[in-house]
Protein backbone atom coordinates (compact mmCIF):
# COMPACT_ATOMS: atom_id res chain seq x y z
CA UNK A 1 0.00 0.00 0.00
CA UNK A 2 1.19 3.49 -0.76
CA UNK A 3 2.19 6.08 1.85
CA UNK A 4 1.74 9.83 1.40
CA UNK A 5 3.58 12.50 3.34
CA UNK A 6 1.30 15.03 5.03
CA UNK A 7 2.39 18.55 6.02
CA UNK A 8 2.30 19.07 9.78
CA UNK A 9 3.70 21.91 11.92
CA UNK A 10 4.72 19.50 14.68
CA UNK A 11 6.94 17.27 12.52
CA UNK A 12 6.69 14.98 9.52
CA UNK A 13 3.88 12.51 9.03
CA UNK A 14 3.07 9.77 6.53
CA UNK A 15 -0.44 8.40 6.08
CA UNK A 16 -1.19 5.06 4.48
CA UNK A 17 -3.46 5.40 1.44
CA UNK A 18 -6.34 3.60 3.17
CA UNK A 19 -6.15 6.08 6.07
CA UNK A 20 -5.82 3.29 8.65
CA UNK A 21 -2.17 3.85 9.60
CA UNK A 22 0.10 6.81 10.33
CA UNK A 23 3.84 7.17 10.89
CA UNK A 24 4.99 10.32 12.73
CA UNK A 25 8.50 11.73 13.03
CA UNK A 26 9.41 14.56 15.37
CA UNK A 27 12.36 15.87 17.33
CA UNK A 28 12.00 15.54 21.10
CA UNK A 29 12.80 18.24 23.66
CA UNK A 30 16.05 16.39 24.45
CA UNK A 31 17.12 16.54 20.81
CA UNK A 32 16.50 12.87 20.01
CA UNK A 33 14.13 11.79 17.24
CA UNK A 34 10.88 9.96 17.97
CA UNK A 35 9.14 7.78 15.40
CA UNK A 36 5.68 6.38 16.05
CA UNK A 37 3.69 3.87 14.05
CA UNK A 38 -0.04 3.84 14.76
CA UNK A 39 -2.50 1.51 13.01
CA UNK A 40 -6.24 1.65 13.70
CA UNK A 41 -8.39 -1.30 14.78
CA UNK A 42 -10.36 -0.90 11.55
CA UNK A 43 -7.28 -1.83 9.51
CA UNK A 44 -7.47 -5.22 7.81
CA UNK A 45 -4.19 -6.18 9.49
CA UNK A 46 -5.44 -5.18 12.97
CA UNK A 47 -4.36 -2.48 15.38
CA UNK A 48 -0.76 -1.76 16.33
CA UNK A 49 1.27 0.93 18.04
CA UNK A 50 5.03 1.26 18.31
CA UNK A 51 7.28 4.15 19.35
CA UNK A 52 11.05 4.36 19.16
CA UNK A 53 13.58 7.09 19.91
CA UNK A 54 16.87 7.34 18.05
CA UNK A 55 19.78 9.76 18.16
CA UNK A 56 19.74 11.20 14.65
CA UNK A 57 17.31 12.27 11.96
CA UNK A 58 18.91 9.83 9.50
CA UNK A 59 18.34 6.93 11.90
CA UNK A 60 14.74 8.10 12.40
CA UNK A 61 14.12 8.19 8.63
CA UNK A 62 15.52 4.67 8.42
CA UNK A 63 12.95 3.58 11.04
CA UNK A 64 10.19 5.28 9.04
CA UNK A 65 11.17 3.19 6.00
CA UNK A 66 11.30 0.03 8.15
CA UNK A 67 7.73 0.65 9.34
CA UNK A 68 6.59 1.16 5.74
CA UNK A 69 8.35 -2.04 4.59
CA UNK A 70 6.88 -4.03 7.50
CA UNK A 71 3.39 -3.01 6.34
CA UNK A 72 4.22 -4.05 2.79
CA UNK A 73 5.43 -7.48 3.95
CA UNK A 74 2.23 -8.07 5.96
CA UNK A 75 0.15 -7.25 2.87
CA UNK A 76 2.18 -9.70 0.78
CA UNK A 77 1.44 -12.64 3.12
CA UNK A 78 -1.31 -15.00 1.91
PDB file of N, CA and C in Angstrom:
ATOM      1  N   UNK A   1       0.834  -1.169   0.000  1.00  0.00           N
ATOM      2  CA  UNK A   1       0.000   0.000   0.000  1.00  0.00           C
ATOM      3  C   UNK A   1       0.887   1.244   0.000  1.00  0.00           C
ATOM      4  N   UNK A   2       0.421   2.253  -0.650  1.00  0.00           N
ATOM      5  CA  UNK A   2       1.187   3.493  -0.758  1.00  0.00           C
ATOM      6  C   UNK A   2       1.098   4.324   0.532  1.00  0.00           C
ATOM      7  N   UNK A   3       2.135   5.122   0.752  1.00  0.00           N
ATOM      8  CA  UNK A   3       2.187   6.078   1.854  1.00  0.00           C
ATOM      9  C   UNK A   3       2.330   7.470   1.255  1.00  0.00           C
ATOM     10  N   UNK A   4       1.673   8.458   1.876  1.00  0.00           N
ATOM     11  CA  UNK A   4       1.743   9.834   1.400  1.00  0.00           C
ATOM     12  C   UNK A   4       2.152  10.729   2.558  1.00  0.00           C
ATOM     13  N   UNK A   5       3.156  11.582   2.296  1.00  0.00           N
ATOM     14  CA  UNK A   5       3.583  12.503   3.342  1.00  0.00           C
ATOM     15  C   UNK A   5       2.567  13.630   3.464  1.00  0.00           C
ATOM     16  N   UNK A   6       2.269  13.989   4.720  1.00  0.00           N
ATOM     17  CA  UNK A   6       1.299  15.028   5.033  1.00  0.00           C
ATOM     18  C   UNK A   6       2.035  16.156   5.743  1.00  0.00           C
ATOM     19  N   UNK A   7       1.759  17.400   5.364  1.00  0.00           N
ATOM     20  CA  UNK A   7       2.393  18.546   6.022  1.00  0.00           C
ATOM     21  C   UNK A   7       1.823  18.748   7.422  1.00  0.00           C
ATOM     22  N   UNK A   8       2.702  18.808   8.407  1.00  0.00           N
ATOM     23  CA  UNK A   8       2.303  19.070   9.785  1.00  0.00           C
ATOM     24  C   UNK A   8       3.296  20.060  10.388  1.00  0.00           C
ATOM     25  N   UNK A   9       2.817  20.952  11.253  1.00  0.00           N
ATOM     26  CA  UNK A   9       3.700  21.911  11.921  1.00  0.00           C
ATOM     27  C   UNK A   9       4.528  21.260  13.013  1.00  0.00           C
ATOM     28  N   UNK A  10       4.062  20.147  13.540  1.00  0.00           N
ATOM     29  CA  UNK A  10       4.723  19.500  14.677  1.00  0.00           C
ATOM     30  C   UNK A  10       5.771  18.478  14.275  1.00  0.00           C
ATOM     31  N   UNK A  11       5.973  18.256  12.995  1.00  0.00           N
ATOM     32  CA  UNK A  11       6.940  17.272  12.522  1.00  0.00           C
ATOM     33  C   UNK A  11       6.485  16.715  11.187  1.00  0.00           C
ATOM     34  N   UNK A  12       7.066  15.618  10.786  1.00  0.00           N
ATOM     35  CA  UNK A  12       6.686  14.981   9.524  1.00  0.00           C
ATOM     36  C   UNK A  12       5.751  13.825   9.806  1.00  0.00           C
ATOM     37  N   UNK A  13       4.865  13.569   8.851  1.00  0.00           N
ATOM     38  CA  UNK A  13       3.882  12.511   9.029  1.00  0.00           C
ATOM     39  C   UNK A  13       3.585  11.860   7.685  1.00  0.00           C
ATOM     40  N   UNK A  14       3.436  10.532   7.712  1.00  0.00           N
ATOM     41  CA  UNK A  14       3.066   9.767   6.525  1.00  0.00           C
ATOM     42  C   UNK A  14       1.786   9.030   6.836  1.00  0.00           C
ATOM     43  N   UNK A  15       0.830   9.099   5.912  1.00  0.00           N
ATOM     44  CA  UNK A  15      -0.440   8.403   6.083  1.00  0.00           C
ATOM     45  C   UNK A  15      -0.563   7.329   5.012  1.00  0.00           C
ATOM     46  N   UNK A  16      -0.973   6.142   5.426  1.00  0.00           N
ATOM     47  CA  UNK A  16      -1.194   5.059   4.483  1.00  0.00           C
ATOM     48  C   UNK A  16      -2.415   5.401   3.639  1.00  0.00           C
ATOM     49  N   UNK A  17      -2.408   4.990   2.370  1.00  0.00           N
ATOM     50  CA  UNK A  17      -3.459   5.402   1.441  1.00  0.00           C
ATOM     51  C   UNK A  17      -4.864   5.026   1.892  1.00  0.00           C
ATOM     52  N   UNK A  18      -5.001   3.967   2.694  1.00  0.00           N
ATOM     53  CA  UNK A  18      -6.338   3.596   3.171  1.00  0.00           C
ATOM     54  C   UNK A  18      -6.756   4.409   4.393  1.00  0.00           C
ATOM     55  N   UNK A  19      -5.848   5.236   4.921  1.00  0.00           N
ATOM     56  CA  UNK A  19      -6.153   6.076   6.073  1.00  0.00           C
ATOM     57  C   UNK A  19      -6.150   5.354   7.404  1.00  0.00           C
ATOM     58  N   UNK A  20      -5.767   4.076   7.424  1.00  0.00           N
ATOM     59  CA  UNK A  20      -5.822   3.288   8.652  1.00  0.00           C
ATOM     60  C   UNK A  20      -4.499   3.218   9.410  1.00  0.00           C
ATOM     61  N   UNK A  21      -3.447   3.871   8.901  1.00  0.00           N
ATOM     62  CA  UNK A  21      -2.166   3.847   9.598  1.00  0.00           C
ATOM     63  C   UNK A  21      -1.423   5.156   9.358  1.00  0.00           C
ATOM     64  N   UNK A  22      -0.660   5.566  10.383  1.00  0.00           N
ATOM     65  CA  UNK A  22       0.103   6.811  10.325  1.00  0.00           C
ATOM     66  C   UNK A  22       1.474   6.567  10.937  1.00  0.00           C
ATOM     67  N   UNK A  23       2.492   7.159  10.327  1.00  0.00           N
ATOM     68  CA  UNK A  23       3.843   7.173  10.893  1.00  0.00           C
ATOM     69  C   UNK A  23       4.186   8.641  11.151  1.00  0.00           C
ATOM     70  N   UNK A  24       4.643   8.936  12.373  1.00  0.00           N
ATOM     71  CA  UNK A  24       4.993  10.318  12.727  1.00  0.00           C
ATOM     72  C   UNK A  24       6.466  10.388  13.116  1.00  0.00           C
ATOM     73  N   UNK A  25       7.091  11.479  12.714  1.00  0.00           N
ATOM     74  CA  UNK A  25       8.500  11.732  13.026  1.00  0.00           C
ATOM     75  C   UNK A  25       8.605  13.135  13.607  1.00  0.00           C
ATOM     76  N   UNK A  26       9.218  13.233  14.780  1.00  0.00           N
ATOM     77  CA  UNK A  26       9.414  14.559  15.366  1.00  0.00           C
ATOM     78  C   UNK A  26      10.654  14.557  16.240  1.00  0.00           C
ATOM     79  N   UNK A  27      11.206  15.735  16.447  1.00  0.00           N
ATOM     80  CA  UNK A  27      12.357  15.867  17.329  1.00  0.00           C
ATOM     81  C   UNK A  27      11.854  16.114  18.740  1.00  0.00           C
ATOM     82  N   UNK A  28      12.420  15.405  19.709  1.00  0.00           N
ATOM     83  CA  UNK A  28      12.002  15.540  21.103  1.00  0.00           C
ATOM     84  C   UNK A  28      12.672  16.751  21.738  1.00  0.00           C
ATOM     85  N   UNK A  29      12.221  17.114  22.926  1.00  0.00           N
ATOM     86  CA  UNK A  29      12.797  18.242  23.661  1.00  0.00           C
ATOM     87  C   UNK A  29      14.270  18.001  23.997  1.00  0.00           C
ATOM     88  N   UNK A  30      14.650  16.732  24.149  1.00  0.00           N
ATOM     89  CA  UNK A  30      16.054  16.389  24.451  1.00  0.00           C
ATOM     90  C   UNK A  30      16.943  16.412  23.222  1.00  0.00           C
ATOM     91  N   UNK A  31      16.339  16.532  22.039  1.00  0.00           N
ATOM     92  CA  UNK A  31      17.122  16.543  20.809  1.00  0.00           C
ATOM     93  C   UNK A  31      17.163  15.209  20.086  1.00  0.00           C
ATOM     94  N   UNK A  32      16.598  14.154  20.699  1.00  0.00           N
ATOM     95  CA  UNK A  32      16.501  12.873  20.015  1.00  0.00           C
ATOM     96  C   UNK A  32      15.369  12.941  18.993  1.00  0.00           C
ATOM     97  N   UNK A  33      15.189  11.861  18.246  1.00  0.00           N
ATOM     98  CA  UNK A  33      14.132  11.791  17.243  1.00  0.00           C
ATOM     99  C   UNK A  33      13.187  10.660  17.597  1.00  0.00           C
ATOM    100  N   UNK A  34      11.896  10.957  17.645  1.00  0.00           N
ATOM    101  CA  UNK A  34      10.879   9.965  17.970  1.00  0.00           C
ATOM    102  C   UNK A  34      10.112   9.595  16.706  1.00  0.00           C
ATOM    103  N   UNK A  35       9.919   8.289  16.521  1.00  0.00           N
ATOM    104  CA  UNK A  35       9.137   7.775  15.397  1.00  0.00           C
ATOM    105  C   UNK A  35       8.030   6.914  15.980  1.00  0.00           C
ATOM    106  N   UNK A  36       6.793   7.194  15.600  1.00  0.00           N
ATOM    107  CA  UNK A  36       5.677   6.378  16.049  1.00  0.00           C
ATOM    108  C   UNK A  36       4.944   5.787  14.851  1.00  0.00           C
ATOM    109  N   UNK A  37       4.492   4.559  15.037  1.00  0.00           N
ATOM    110  CA  UNK A  37       3.686   3.868  14.046  1.00  0.00           C
ATOM    111  C   UNK A  37       2.363   3.541  14.726  1.00  0.00           C
ATOM    112  N   UNK A  38       1.270   4.015  14.152  1.00  0.00           N
ATOM    113  CA  UNK A  38      -0.041   3.839  14.764  1.00  0.00           C
ATOM    114  C   UNK A  38      -1.013   3.329  13.707  1.00  0.00           C
ATOM    115  N   UNK A  39      -1.549   2.122  13.945  1.00  0.00           N
ATOM    116  CA  UNK A  39      -2.500   1.513  13.008  1.00  0.00           C
ATOM    117  C   UNK A  39      -3.819   1.289  13.736  1.00  0.00           C
ATOM    118  N   UNK A  40      -4.904   1.718  13.112  1.00  0.00           N
ATOM    119  CA  UNK A  40      -6.239   1.646  13.704  1.00  0.00           C
ATOM    120  C   UNK A  40      -6.777   0.216  13.767  1.00  0.00           C
ATOM    121  N   UNK A  41      -7.710   0.005  14.681  1.00  0.00           N
ATOM    122  CA  UNK A  41      -8.392  -1.296  14.779  1.00  0.00           C
ATOM    123  C   UNK A  41      -9.101  -1.659  13.480  1.00  0.00           C
ATOM    124  N   UNK A  42      -9.608  -0.662  12.773  1.00  0.00           N
ATOM    125  CA  UNK A  42     -10.357  -0.899  11.549  1.00  0.00           C
ATOM    126  C   UNK A  42      -9.487  -1.438  10.413  1.00  0.00           C
ATOM    127  N   UNK A  43      -8.181  -1.344  10.551  1.00  0.00           N
ATOM    128  CA  UNK A  43      -7.277  -1.825   9.506  1.00  0.00           C
ATOM    129  C   UNK A  43      -7.438  -3.330   9.331  1.00  0.00           C
ATOM    130  N   UNK A  44      -7.349  -3.798   8.103  1.00  0.00           N
ATOM    131  CA  UNK A  44      -7.470  -5.216   7.813  1.00  0.00           C
ATOM    132  C   UNK A  44      -6.425  -6.054   8.518  1.00  0.00           C
ATOM    133  N   UNK A  45      -5.268  -5.458   8.812  1.00  0.00           N
ATOM    134  CA  UNK A  45      -4.193  -6.178   9.491  1.00  0.00           C
ATOM    135  C   UNK A  45      -4.200  -5.935  10.998  1.00  0.00           C
ATOM    136  N   UNK A  46      -5.296  -5.369  11.531  1.00  0.00           N
ATOM    137  CA  UNK A  46      -5.440  -5.184  12.972  1.00  0.00           C
ATOM    138  C   UNK A  46      -4.728  -3.954  13.501  1.00  0.00           C
ATOM    139  N   UNK A  47      -4.951  -3.666  14.765  1.00  0.00           N
ATOM    140  CA  UNK A  47      -4.361  -2.477  15.376  1.00  0.00           C
ATOM    141  C   UNK A  47      -2.920  -2.745  15.808  1.00  0.00           C
ATOM    142  N   UNK A  48      -2.152  -1.663  15.873  1.00  0.00           N
ATOM    143  CA  UNK A  48      -0.761  -1.757  16.325  1.00  0.00           C
ATOM    144  C   UNK A  48      -0.280  -0.371  16.716  1.00  0.00           C
ATOM    145  N   UNK A  49       0.641  -0.332  17.653  1.00  0.00           N
ATOM    146  CA  UNK A  49       1.274   0.928  18.040  1.00  0.00           C
ATOM    147  C   UNK A  49       2.709   0.615  18.441  1.00  0.00           C
ATOM    148  N   UNK A  50       3.617   1.421  17.938  1.00  0.00           N
ATOM    149  CA  UNK A  50       5.030   1.264  18.312  1.00  0.00           C
ATOM    150  C   UNK A  50       5.680   2.629  18.301  1.00  0.00           C
ATOM    151  N   UNK A  51       6.550   2.882  19.271  1.00  0.00           N
ATOM    152  CA  UNK A  51       7.276   4.155  19.348  1.00  0.00           C
ATOM    153  C   UNK A  51       8.730   3.853  19.650  1.00  0.00           C
ATOM    154  N   UNK A  52       9.615   4.503  18.914  1.00  0.00           N
ATOM    155  CA  UNK A  52      11.049   4.361  19.156  1.00  0.00           C
ATOM    156  C   UNK A  52      11.684   5.743  19.178  1.00  0.00           C
ATOM    157  N   UNK A  53      12.774   5.874  19.920  1.00  0.00           N
ATOM    158  CA  UNK A  53      13.577   7.087  19.906  1.00  0.00           C
ATOM    159  C   UNK A  53      14.973   6.722  19.453  1.00  0.00           C
ATOM    160  N   UNK A  54      15.512   7.542  18.558  1.00  0.00           N
ATOM    161  CA  UNK A  54      16.867   7.339  18.047  1.00  0.00           C
ATOM    162  C   UNK A  54      17.618   8.660  18.127  1.00  0.00           C
ATOM    163  N   UNK A  55      18.934   8.594  17.940  1.00  0.00           N
ATOM    164  CA  UNK A  55      19.776   9.764  18.155  1.00  0.00           C
ATOM    165  C   UNK A  55      19.944  10.721  16.996  1.00  0.00           C
ATOM    166  N   UNK A  56      19.544  10.307  15.795  1.00  0.00           N
ATOM    167  CA  UNK A  56      19.741  11.202  14.647  1.00  0.00           C
ATOM    168  C   UNK A  56      18.535  11.172  13.718  1.00  0.00           C
ATOM    169  N   UNK A  57      18.408  12.216  12.926  1.00  0.00           N
ATOM    170  CA  UNK A  57      17.306  12.272  11.962  1.00  0.00           C
ATOM    171  C   UNK A  57      17.461  11.177  10.909  1.00  0.00           C
ATOM    172  N   UNK A  58      18.689  10.897  10.483  1.00  0.00           N
ATOM    173  CA  UNK A  58      18.907   9.827   9.502  1.00  0.00           C
ATOM    174  C   UNK A  58      18.445   8.473  10.037  1.00  0.00           C
ATOM    175  N   UNK A  59      18.777   8.189  11.297  1.00  0.00           N
ATOM    176  CA  UNK A  59      18.336   6.931  11.905  1.00  0.00           C
ATOM    177  C   UNK A  59      16.817   6.895  12.013  1.00  0.00           C
ATOM    178  N   UNK A  60      16.207   8.030  12.305  1.00  0.00           N
ATOM    179  CA  UNK A  60      14.743   8.099  12.397  1.00  0.00           C
ATOM    180  C   UNK A  60      14.104   7.843  11.038  1.00  0.00           C
ATOM    181  N   UNK A  61      14.653   8.420   9.980  1.00  0.00           N
ATOM    182  CA  UNK A  61      14.116   8.194   8.634  1.00  0.00           C
ATOM    183  C   UNK A  61      14.275   6.730   8.222  1.00  0.00           C
ATOM    184  N   UNK A  62      15.344   6.094   8.674  1.00  0.00           N
ATOM    185  CA  UNK A  62      15.519   4.666   8.420  1.00  0.00           C
ATOM    186  C   UNK A  62      14.397   3.882   9.100  1.00  0.00           C
ATOM    187  N   UNK A  63      14.053   4.255  10.335  1.00  0.00           N
ATOM    188  CA  UNK A  63      12.954   3.578  11.039  1.00  0.00           C
ATOM    189  C   UNK A  63      11.621   3.801  10.337  1.00  0.00           C
ATOM    190  N   UNK A  64      11.414   5.003   9.800  1.00  0.00           N
ATOM    191  CA  UNK A  64      10.191   5.278   9.035  1.00  0.00           C
ATOM    192  C   UNK A  64      10.089   4.289   7.880  1.00  0.00           C
ATOM    193  N   UNK A  65      11.177   4.116   7.143  1.00  0.00           N
ATOM    194  CA  UNK A  65      11.170   3.186   6.004  1.00  0.00           C
ATOM    195  C   UNK A  65      10.938   1.749   6.457  1.00  0.00           C
ATOM    196  N   UNK A  66      11.508   1.373   7.615  1.00  0.00           N
ATOM    197  CA  UNK A  66      11.296   0.027   8.145  1.00  0.00           C
ATOM    198  C   UNK A  66       9.825  -0.209   8.474  1.00  0.00           C
ATOM    199  N   UNK A  67       9.166   0.787   9.051  1.00  0.00           N
ATOM    200  CA  UNK A  67       7.734   0.655   9.339  1.00  0.00           C
ATOM    201  C   UNK A  67       6.942   0.500   8.047  1.00  0.00           C
ATOM    202  N   UNK A  68       7.285   1.271   7.028  1.00  0.00           N
ATOM    203  CA  UNK A  68       6.591   1.161   5.741  1.00  0.00           C
ATOM    204  C   UNK A  68       6.802  -0.223   5.132  1.00  0.00           C
ATOM    205  N   UNK A  69       8.036  -0.717   5.164  1.00  0.00           N
ATOM    206  CA  UNK A  69       8.345  -2.036   4.593  1.00  0.00           C
ATOM    207  C   UNK A  69       7.636  -3.146   5.361  1.00  0.00           C
ATOM    208  N   UNK A  70       7.557  -3.021   6.681  1.00  0.00           N
ATOM    209  CA  UNK A  70       6.878  -4.026   7.499  1.00  0.00           C
ATOM    210  C   UNK A  70       5.413  -4.135   7.072  1.00  0.00           C
ATOM    211  N   UNK A  71       4.781  -3.011   6.813  1.00  0.00           N
ATOM    212  CA  UNK A  71       3.389  -3.013   6.345  1.00  0.00           C
ATOM    213  C   UNK A  71       3.291  -3.701   5.006  1.00  0.00           C
ATOM    214  N   UNK A  72       4.240  -3.430   4.118  1.00  0.00           N
ATOM    215  CA  UNK A  72       4.220  -4.055   2.788  1.00  0.00           C
ATOM    216  C   UNK A  72       4.384  -5.566   2.900  1.00  0.00           C
ATOM    217  N   UNK A  73       5.223  -6.035   3.822  1.00  0.00           N
ATOM    218  CA  UNK A  73       5.435  -7.479   3.946  1.00  0.00           C
ATOM    219  C   UNK A  73       4.200  -8.166   4.529  1.00  0.00           C
ATOM    220  N   UNK A  74       3.469  -7.500   5.413  1.00  0.00           N
ATOM    221  CA  UNK A  74       2.234  -8.066   5.959  1.00  0.00           C
ATOM    222  C   UNK A  74       1.200  -8.196   4.857  1.00  0.00           C
ATOM    223  N   UNK A  75       1.105  -7.206   3.974  1.00  0.00           N
ATOM    224  CA  UNK A  75       0.147  -7.247   2.869  1.00  0.00           C
ATOM    225  C   UNK A  75       0.476  -8.371   1.892  1.00  0.00           C
ATOM    226  N   UNK A  76       1.756  -8.685   1.740  1.00  0.00           N
ATOM    227  CA  UNK A  76       2.181  -9.701   0.781  1.00  0.00           C
ATOM    228  C   UNK A  76       1.910 -11.124   1.263  1.00  0.00           C
ATOM    229  N   UNK A  77       1.684 -11.296   2.582  1.00  0.00           N
ATOM    230  CA  UNK A  77       1.436 -12.636   3.120  1.00  0.00           C
ATOM    231  C   UNK A  77       0.077 -13.148   2.661  1.00  0.00           C
ATOM    232  N   UNK A  78      -0.027 -14.456   2.362  1.00  0.00           N
ATOM    233  CA  UNK A  78      -1.315 -15.002   1.914  1.00  0.00           C
ATOM    234  C   UNK A  78      -2.349 -15.040   3.002  1.00  0.00           C
TER     235      UNK A  78
END
